[in-house]
Amino acid sequence: MITQTIASDAHDRLDAAGIRFASRLDGLPCYALFEGRARLDRDGENVALTDPAPEPLQNVSAAWQLRLEPAEAPAAAQPERR
């Protein structure tokens, strides 16, 4: 509830695009960006989240005791009805 109140105030009253805060796990910076106000600029190559998952995603998943599962294959495109 506290974080929602802070975010709401920053969004509504301060007209902020986002908030920077320290991670509770390691103190490194984390960012919360407000949709429609913030912009992300690429700072390197995209990392595909495929099977097998890249090492950074595996590390985060293990730290949070999450199980990664392969994504379902996309459904075949349905022909357009006329």
PDB file of N, CA and C in Angstrom:
ATOM      1  N   MET A   1       0.818  -1.189   0.000  1.00  0.00           N
ATOM      2  CA  MET A   1       0.000   0.000   0.000  1.00  0.00           C
ATOM      3  C   MET A   1       0.865   1.257   0.000  1.00  0.00           C
ATOM      4  N   ILE A   2       1.971   1.203   0.708  1.00  0.00           N
ATOM      5  CA  ILE A   2       2.857   2.365   0.767  1.00  0.00           C
ATOM      6  C   ILE A   2       3.440   2.657  -0.608  1.00  0.00           C
ATOM      7  N   THR A   3       3.909   1.609  -1.300  1.00  0.00           N
ATOM      8  CA  THR A   3       4.505   1.835  -2.616  1.00  0.00           C
ATOM      9  C   THR A   3       3.478   2.362  -3.613  1.00  0.00           C
ATOM     10  N   GLN A   4       2.246   1.899  -3.527  1.00  0.00           N
ATOM     11  CA  GLN A   4       1.188   2.391  -4.417  1.00  0.00           C
ATOM     12  C   GLN A   4       0.900   3.867  -4.151  1.00  0.00           C
ATOM     13  N   THR A   5       0.917   4.248  -2.894  1.00  0.00           N
ATOM     14  CA  THR A   5       0.672   5.648  -2.531  1.00  0.00           C
ATOM     15  C   THR A   5       1.790   6.545  -3.053  1.00  0.00           C
ATOM     16  N   ILE A   6       3.031   6.103  -2.882  1.00  0.00           N
ATOM     17  CA  ILE A   6       4.170   6.879  -3.385  1.00  0.00           C
ATOM     18  C   ILE A   6       4.107   6.993  -4.899  1.00  0.00           C
ATOM     19  N   ALA A   7       3.867   5.895  -5.579  1.00  0.00           N
ATOM     20  CA  ALA A   7       3.799   5.910  -7.042  1.00  0.00           C
ATOM     21  C   ALA A   7       2.658   6.785  -7.533  1.00  0.00           C
ATOM     22  N   SER A   8       1.513   6.699  -6.893  1.00  0.00           N
ATOM     23  CA  SER A   8       0.358   7.506  -7.289  1.00  0.00           C
ATOM     24  C   SER A   8       0.651   8.991  -7.130  1.00  0.00           C
ATOM     25  N   ASP A   9       1.285   9.345  -6.035  1.00  0.00           N
ATOM     26  CA  ASP A   9       1.620  10.751  -5.792  1.00  0.00           C
ATOM     27  C   ASP A   9       2.649  11.252  -6.804  1.00  0.00           C
ATOM     28  N   ALA A  10       3.662  10.438  -7.075  1.00  0.00           N
ATOM     29  CA  ALA A  10       4.687  10.832  -8.055  1.00  0.00           C
ATOM     30  C   ALA A  10       4.067  10.993  -9.441  1.00  0.00           C
ATOM     31  N   HIS A  11       3.143  10.117  -9.771  1.00  0.00           N
ATOM     32  CA  HIS A  11       2.482  10.177 -11.080  1.00  0.00           C
ATOM     33  C   HIS A  11       1.536  11.363 -11.180  1.00  0.00           C
ATOM     34  N   ASP A  12       0.668  11.508 -10.213  1.00  0.00           N
ATOM     35  CA  ASP A  12      -0.397  12.514 -10.286  1.00  0.00           C
ATOM     36  C   ASP A  12       0.050  13.921  -9.892  1.00  0.00           C
ATOM     37  N   ARG A  13       0.767  14.034  -8.796  1.00  0.00           N
ATOM     38  CA  ARG A  13       1.114  15.362  -8.286  1.00  0.00           C
ATOM     39  C   ARG A  13       2.419  15.895  -8.860  1.00  0.00           C
ATOM     40  N   LEU A  14       3.410  15.026  -9.025  1.00  0.00           N
ATOM     41  CA  LEU A  14       4.719  15.457  -9.494  1.00  0.00           C
ATOM     42  C   LEU A  14       4.877  15.342 -11.009  1.00  0.00           C
ATOM     43  N   ASP A  15       3.922  14.659 -11.658  1.00  0.00           N
ATOM     44  CA  ASP A  15       3.972  14.452 -13.108  1.00  0.00           C
ATOM     45  C   ASP A  15       5.266  13.738 -13.521  1.00  0.00           C
ATOM     46  N   ALA A  16       5.725  12.807 -12.678  1.00  0.00           N
ATOM     47  CA  ALA A  16       6.968  12.084 -12.924  1.00  0.00           C
ATOM     48  C   ALA A  16       6.783  11.019 -13.996  1.00  0.00           C
ATOM     49  N   ALA A  17       7.884  10.654 -14.654  1.00  0.00           N
ATOM     50  CA  ALA A  17       7.872   9.593 -15.661  1.00  0.00           C
ATOM     51  C   ALA A  17       8.259   8.251 -15.050  1.00  0.00           C
ATOM     52  N   GLY A  18       8.837   8.273 -13.852  1.00  0.00           N
ATOM     53  CA  GLY A  18       9.247   7.038 -13.205  1.00  0.00           C
ATOM     54  C   GLY A  18       9.899   7.313 -11.870  1.00  0.00           C
ATOM     55  N   ILE A  19      10.275   6.226 -11.211  1.00  0.00           N
ATOM     56  CA  ILE A  19      10.894   6.307  -9.887  1.00  0.00           C
ATOM     57  C   ILE A  19      12.106   5.381  -9.866  1.00  0.00           C
ATOM     58  N   ARG A  20      13.195   5.836  -9.273  1.00  0.00           N
ATOM     59  CA  ARG A  20      14.374   5.009  -9.042  1.00  0.00           C
ATOM     60  C   ARG A  20      14.431   4.694  -7.556  1.00  0.00           C
ATOM     61  N   PHE A  21      14.668   3.427  -7.237  1.00  0.00           N
ATOM     62  CA  PHE A  21      14.742   3.014  -5.835  1.00  0.00           C
ATOM     63  C   PHE A  21      15.756   1.896  -5.687  1.00  0.00           C
ATOM     64  N   ALA A  22      16.226   1.681  -4.482  1.00  0.00           N
ATOM     65  CA  ALA A  22      17.207   0.626  -4.212  1.00  0.00           C
ATOM     66  C   ALA A  22      16.507  -0.715  -4.033  1.00  0.00           C
ATOM     67  N   SER A  23      17.075  -1.748  -4.615  1.00  0.00           N
ATOM     68  CA  SER A  23      16.554  -3.102  -4.458  1.00  0.00           C
ATOM     69  C   SER A  23      16.695  -3.541  -3.007  1.00  0.00           C
ATOM     70  N   ARG A  24      15.691  -4.200  -2.499  1.00  0.00           N
ATOM     71  CA  ARG A  24      15.778  -4.714  -1.134  1.00  0.00           C
ATOM     72  C   ARG A  24      16.693  -5.927  -1.054  1.00  0.00           C
ATOM     73  N   LEU A  25      17.023  -6.530  -2.210  1.00  0.00           N
ATOM     74  CA  LEU A  25      17.868  -7.723  -2.213  1.00  0.00           C
ATOM     75  C   LEU A  25      19.353  -7.396  -2.186  1.00  0.00           C
ATOM     76  N   ASP A  26      19.764  -6.417  -3.002  1.00  0.00           N
ATOM     77  CA  ASP A  26      21.197  -6.145  -3.091  1.00  0.00           C
ATOM     78  C   ASP A  26      21.542  -4.659  -3.099  1.00  0.00           C
ATOM     79  N   GLY A  27      20.547  -3.799  -2.954  1.00  0.00           N
ATOM     80  CA  GLY A  27      20.796  -2.366  -2.914  1.00  0.00           C
ATOM     81  C   GLY A  27      21.066  -1.721  -4.261  1.00  0.00           C
ATOM     82  N   LEU A  28      21.093  -2.512  -5.332  1.00  0.00           N
ATOM     83  CA  LEU A  28      21.319  -1.954  -6.659  1.00  0.00           C
ATOM     84  C   LEU A  28      20.076  -1.196  -7.121  1.00  0.00           C
ATOM     85  N   PRO A  29      20.238  -0.275  -8.062  1.00  0.00           N
ATOM     86  CA  PRO A  29      19.085   0.532  -8.481  1.00  0.00           C
ATOM     87  C   PRO A  29      18.055  -0.271  -9.266  1.00  0.00           C
ATOM     88  N   CYS A  30      16.792   0.019  -8.998  1.00  0.00           N
ATOM     89  CA  CYS A  30      15.651  -0.512  -9.738  1.00  0.00           C
ATOM     90  C   CYS A  30      14.853   0.687 -10.227  1.00  0.00           C
ATOM     91  N   TYR A  31      14.103   0.476 -11.280  1.00  0.00           N
ATOM     92  CA  TYR A  31      13.328   1.570 -11.865  1.00  0.00           C
ATOM     93  C   TYR A  31      11.896   1.120 -12.106  1.00  0.00           C
ATOM     94  N   ALA A  32      10.958   1.985 -11.763  1.00  0.00           N
ATOM     95  CA  ALA A  32       9.546   1.787 -12.085  1.00  0.00           C
ATOM     96  C   ALA A  32       9.173   2.916 -13.042  1.00  0.00           C
ATOM     97  N   LEU A  33       8.734   2.560 -14.235  1.00  0.00           N
ATOM     98  CA  LEU A  33       8.404   3.552 -15.254  1.00  0.00           C
ATOM     99  C   LEU A  33       6.892   3.626 -15.428  1.00  0.00           C
ATOM    100  N   PHE A  34       6.382   4.829 -15.595  1.00  0.00           N
ATOM    101  CA  PHE A  34       4.949   5.029 -15.764  1.00  0.00           C
ATOM    102  C   PHE A  34       4.593   4.993 -17.242  1.00  0.00           C
ATOM    103  N   GLU A  35       3.654   4.117 -17.554  1.00  0.00           N
ATOM    104  CA  GLU A  35       3.232   3.940 -18.934  1.00  0.00           C
ATOM    105  C   GLU A  35       2.757   5.262 -19.536  1.00  0.00           C
ATOM    106  N   GLY A  36       3.220   5.538 -20.741  1.00  0.00           N
ATOM    107  CA  GLY A  36       2.807   6.748 -21.437  1.00  0.00           C
ATOM    108  C   GLY A  36       3.656   7.971 -21.105  1.00  0.00           C
ATOM    109  N   ARG A  37       4.542   7.854 -20.121  1.00  0.00           N
ATOM    110  CA  ARG A  37       5.371   9.005 -19.741  1.00  0.00           C
ATOM    111  C   ARG A  37       6.856   8.735 -19.913  1.00  0.00           C
ATOM    112  N   ALA A  38       7.261   7.517 -19.730  1.00  0.00           N
ATOM    113  CA  ALA A  38       8.684   7.179 -19.790  1.00  0.00           C
ATOM    114  C   ALA A  38       9.021   6.567 -21.149  1.00  0.00           C
ATOM    115  N   ARG A  39      10.294   6.590 -21.474  1.00  0.00           N
ATOM    116  CA  ARG A  39      10.762   5.996 -22.715  1.00  0.00           C
ATOM    117  C   ARG A  39      12.001   5.174 -22.403  1.00  0.00           C
ATOM    118  N   LEU A  40      12.091   3.997 -22.991  1.00  0.00           N
ATOM    119  CA  LEU A  40      13.273   3.162 -22.844  1.00  0.00           C
ATOM    120  C   LEU A  40      14.114   3.273 -24.106  1.00  0.00           C
ATOM    121  N   ASP A  41      15.395   3.470 -23.925  1.00  0.00           N
ATOM    122  CA  ASP A  41      16.325   3.478 -25.043  1.00  0.00           C
ATOM    123  C   ASP A  41      17.184   2.237 -24.950  1.00  0.00           C
ATOM    124  N   ARG A  42      17.375   1.588 -26.083  1.00  0.00           N
ATOM    125  CA  ARG A  42      18.174   0.363 -26.120  1.00  0.00           C
ATOM    126  C   ARG A  42      19.610   0.668 -25.713  1.00  0.00           C
ATOM    127  N   ASP A  43      20.166  -0.199 -24.881  1.00  0.00           N
ATOM    128  CA  ASP A  43      21.543  -0.055 -24.443  1.00  0.00           C
ATOM    129  C   ASP A  43      22.249  -1.394 -24.624  1.00  0.00           C
ATOM    130  N   GLY A  44      22.225  -1.889 -25.836  1.00  0.00           N
ATOM    131  CA  GLY A  44      22.829  -3.185 -26.125  1.00  0.00           C
ATOM    132  C   GLY A  44      21.885  -4.035 -26.950  1.00  0.00           C
ATOM    133  N   GLU A  45      22.268  -5.260 -27.161  1.00  0.00           N
ATOM    134  CA  GLU A  45      21.486  -6.180 -27.978  1.00  0.00           C
ATOM    135  C   GLU A  45      20.333  -6.779 -27.167  1.00  0.00           C
ATOM    136  N   ASN A  46      19.272  -7.163 -27.876  1.00  0.00           N
ATOM    137  CA  ASN A  46      18.170  -7.866 -27.232  1.00  0.00           C
ATOM    138  C   ASN A  46      18.647  -9.230 -26.754  1.00  0.00           C
ATOM    139  N   VAL A  47      18.080  -9.693 -25.653  1.00  0.00           N
ATOM    140  CA  VAL A  47      18.366 -11.026 -25.140  1.00  0.00           C
ATOM    141  C   VAL A  47      17.101 -11.854 -25.317  1.00  0.00           C
ATOM    142  N   ALA A  48      17.188 -12.870 -26.158  1.00  0.00           N
ATOM    143  CA  ALA A  48      16.022 -13.722 -26.407  1.00  0.00           C
ATOM    144  C   ALA A  48      15.725 -14.557 -25.164  1.00  0.00           C
ATOM    145  N   LEU A  49      14.472 -14.592 -24.769  1.00  0.00           N
ATOM    146  CA  LEU A  49      14.054 -15.403 -23.618  1.00  0.00           C
ATOM    147  C   LEU A  49      13.529 -16.729 -24.149  1.00  0.00           C
ATOM    148  N   THR A  50      14.446 -17.566 -24.623  1.00  0.00           N
ATOM    149  CA  THR A  50      14.098 -18.810 -25.288  1.00  0.00           C
ATOM    150  C   THR A  50      14.501 -19.998 -24.442  1.00  0.00           C
ATOM    151  N   ASP A  51      14.223 -21.175 -24.948  1.00  0.00           N
ATOM    152  CA  ASP A  51      14.580 -22.412 -24.272  1.00  0.00           C
ATOM    153  C   ASP A  51      15.875 -22.918 -24.886  1.00  0.00           C
ATOM    154  N   PRO A  52      16.971 -22.987 -24.184  1.00  0.00           N
ATOM    155  CA  PRO A  52      17.080 -22.716 -22.759  1.00  0.00           C
ATOM    156  C   PRO A  52      17.152 -21.216 -22.481  1.00  0.00           C
ATOM    157  N   ALA A  53      16.697 -20.854 -21.317  1.00  0.00           N
ATOM    158  CA  ALA A  53      16.683 -19.449 -20.908  1.00  0.00           C
ATOM    159  C   ALA A  53      18.118 -18.951 -20.735  1.00  0.00           C
ATOM    160  N   PRO A  54      18.347 -17.654 -21.005  1.00  0.00           N
ATOM    161  CA  PRO A  54      19.689 -17.106 -20.784  1.00  0.00           C
ATOM    162  C   PRO A  54      20.051 -17.130 -19.299  1.00  0.00           C
ATOM    163  N   GLU A  55      21.340 -17.150 -19.035  1.00  0.00           N
ATOM    164  CA  GLU A  55      21.835 -17.273 -17.659  1.00  0.00           C
ATOM    165  C   GLU A  55      21.272 -16.214 -16.700  1.00  0.00           C
ATOM    166  N   PRO A  56      21.192 -14.913 -17.094  1.00  0.00           N
ATOM    167  CA  PRO A  56      20.629 -13.936 -16.147  1.00  0.00           C
ATOM    168  C   PRO A  56      19.202 -14.272 -15.721  1.00  0.00           C
ATOM    169  N   LEU A  57      18.381 -14.751 -16.650  1.00  0.00           N
ATOM    170  CA  LEU A  57      17.007 -15.117 -16.303  1.00  0.00           C
ATOM    171  C   LEU A  57      16.994 -16.348 -15.403  1.00  0.00           C
ATOM    172  N   GLN A  58      17.863 -17.299 -15.666  1.00  0.00           N
ATOM    173  CA  GLN A  58      17.959 -18.481 -14.795  1.00  0.00           C
ATOM    174  C   GLN A  58      18.383 -18.083 -13.380  1.00  0.00           C
ATOM    175  N   ASN A  59      19.327 -17.139 -13.278  1.00  0.00           N
ATOM    176  CA  ASN A  59      19.793 -16.691 -11.956  1.00  0.00           C
ATOM    177  C   ASN A  59      18.672 -16.021 -11.170  1.00  0.00           C
ATOM    178  N   VAL A  60      17.924 -15.133 -11.822  1.00  0.00           N
ATOM    179  CA  VAL A  60      16.814 -14.449 -11.147  1.00  0.00           C
ATOM    180  C   VAL A  60      15.741 -15.456 -10.753  1.00  0.00           C
ATOM    181  N   SER A  61      15.434 -16.375 -11.650  1.00  0.00           N
ATOM    182  CA  SER A  61      14.418 -17.390 -11.357  1.00  0.00           C
ATOM    183  C   SER A  61      14.816 -18.236 -10.158  1.00  0.00           C
ATOM    184  N   ALA A  62      16.074 -18.609 -10.094  1.00  0.00           N
ATOM    185  CA  ALA A  62      16.546 -19.421  -8.967  1.00  0.00           C
ATOM    186  C   ALA A  62      16.486 -18.632  -7.663  1.00  0.00           C
ATOM    187  N   ALA A  63      16.878 -17.348  -7.719  1.00  0.00           N
ATOM    188  CA  ALA A  63      16.865 -16.525  -6.512  1.00  0.00           C
ATOM    189  C   ALA A  63      15.455 -16.373  -5.947  1.00  0.00           C
ATOM    190  N   TRP A  64      14.467 -16.330  -6.824  1.00  0.00           N
ATOM    191  CA  TRP A  64      13.072 -16.162  -6.396  1.00  0.00           C
ATOM    192  C   TRP A  64      12.327 -17.495  -6.314  1.00  0.00           C
ATOM    193  N   GLN A  65      13.064 -18.591  -6.505  1.00  0.00           N
ATOM    194  CA  GLN A  65      12.504 -19.941  -6.465  1.00  0.00           C
ATOM    195  C   GLN A  65      11.344 -20.086  -7.450  1.00  0.00           C
ATOM    196  N   LEU A  66      11.573 -19.579  -8.678  1.00  0.00           N
ATOM    197  CA  LEU A  66      10.585 -19.688  -9.746  1.00  0.00           C
ATOM    198  C   LEU A  66      10.976 -20.823 -10.682  1.00  0.00           C
ATOM    199  N   ARG A  67       9.985 -21.470 -11.236  1.00  0.00           N
ATOM    200  CA  ARG A  67      10.220 -22.539 -12.203  1.00  0.00           C
ATOM    201  C   ARG A  67       9.919 -22.009 -13.593  1.00  0.00           C
ATOM    202  N   LEU A  68      10.860 -22.121 -14.504  1.00  0.00           N
ATOM    203  CA  LEU A  68      10.658 -21.686 -15.882  1.00  0.00           C
ATOM    204  C   LEU A  68      10.053 -22.830 -16.677  1.00  0.00           C
ATOM    205  N   GLU A  69       9.069 -22.520 -17.489  1.00  0.00           N
ATOM    206  CA  GLU A  69       8.440 -23.504 -18.352  1.00  0.00           C
ATOM    207  C   GLU A  69       8.495 -23.002 -19.784  1.00  0.00           C
ATOM    208  N   PRO A  70       8.637 -23.916 -20.738  1.00  0.00           N
ATOM    209  CA  PRO A  70       8.638 -23.464 -22.132  1.00  0.00           C
ATOM    210  C   PRO A  70       7.266 -22.893 -22.503  1.00  0.00           C
ATOM    211  N   ALA A  71       7.287 -21.886 -23.356  1.00  0.00           N
ATOM    212  CA  ALA A  71       6.032 -21.279 -23.812  1.00  0.00           C
ATOM    213  C   ALA A  71       5.340 -22.222 -24.782  1.00  0.00           C
ATOM    214  N   GLU A  72       4.019 -22.153 -24.792  1.00  0.00           N
ATOM    215  CA  GLU A  72       3.263 -22.937 -25.756  1.00  0.00           C
ATOM    216  C   GLU A  72       3.513 -22.380 -27.144  1.00  0.00           C
ATOM    217  N   ALA A  73       3.505 -23.255 -28.122  1.00  0.00           N
ATOM    218  CA  ALA A  73       3.667 -22.811 -29.504  1.00  0.00           C
ATOM    219  C   ALA A  73       2.464 -21.959 -29.882  1.00  0.00           C
ATOM    220  N   PRO A  74       2.675 -20.889 -30.651  1.00  0.00           N
ATOM    221  CA  PRO A  74       1.541 -20.055 -31.049  1.00  0.00           C
ATOM    222  C   PRO A  74       0.567 -20.844 -31.914  1.00  0.00           C
ATOM    223  N   ALA A  75      -0.704 -20.560 -31.737  1.00  0.00           N
ATOM    224  CA  ALA A  75      -1.732 -21.240 -32.526  1.00  0.00           C
ATOM    225  C   ALA A  75      -1.585 -20.841 -33.986  1.00  0.00           C
ATOM    226  N   ALA A  76      -1.893 -21.771 -34.860  1.00  0.00           N
ATOM    227  CA  ALA A  76      -1.827 -21.478 -36.293  1.00  0.00           C
ATOM    228  C   ALA A  76      -2.831 -20.387 -36.624  1.00  0.00           C
ATOM    229  N   ALA A  77      -2.449 -19.526 -37.517  1.00  0.00           N
ATOM    230  CA  ALA A  77      -3.341 -18.425 -37.921  1.00  0.00           C
ATOM    231  C   ALA A  77      -4.599 -18.999 -38.557  1.00  0.00           C
ATOM    232  N   GLN A  78      -5.724 -18.471 -38.129  1.00  0.00           N
ATOM    233  CA  GLN A  78      -7.008 -18.898 -38.669  1.00  0.00           C
ATOM    234  C   GLN A  78      -7.277 -18.154 -39.984  1.00  0.00           C
ATOM    235  N   PRO A  79      -7.807 -18.865 -41.001  1.00  0.00           N
ATOM    236  CA  PRO A  79      -8.119 -18.165 -42.250  1.00  0.00           C
ATOM    237  C   PRO A  79      -9.216 -17.145 -42.028  1.00  0.00           C
ATOM    238  N   GLU A  80      -9.116 -16.062 -42.746  1.00  0.00           N
ATOM    239  CA  GLU A  80     -10.102 -14.988 -42.624  1.00  0.00           C
ATOM    240  C   GLU A  80     -11.443 -15.439 -43.212  1.00  0.00           C
ATOM    241  N   ARG A  81     -12.520 -15.238 -42.462  1.00  0.00           N
ATOM    242  CA  ARG A  81     -13.861 -15.607 -42.932  1.00  0.00           C
ATOM    243  C   ARG A  81     -14.479 -14.467 -43.695  1.00  0.00           C
ATOM    244  N   ARG A  82     -15.178 -14.807 -44.757  1.00  0.00           N
ATOM    245  CA  ARG A  82     -15.870 -13.778 -45.553  1.00  0.00           C
ATOM    246  C   ARG A  82     -17.318 -14.070 -45.678  1.00  0.00           C
TER     247      ARG A  82
END
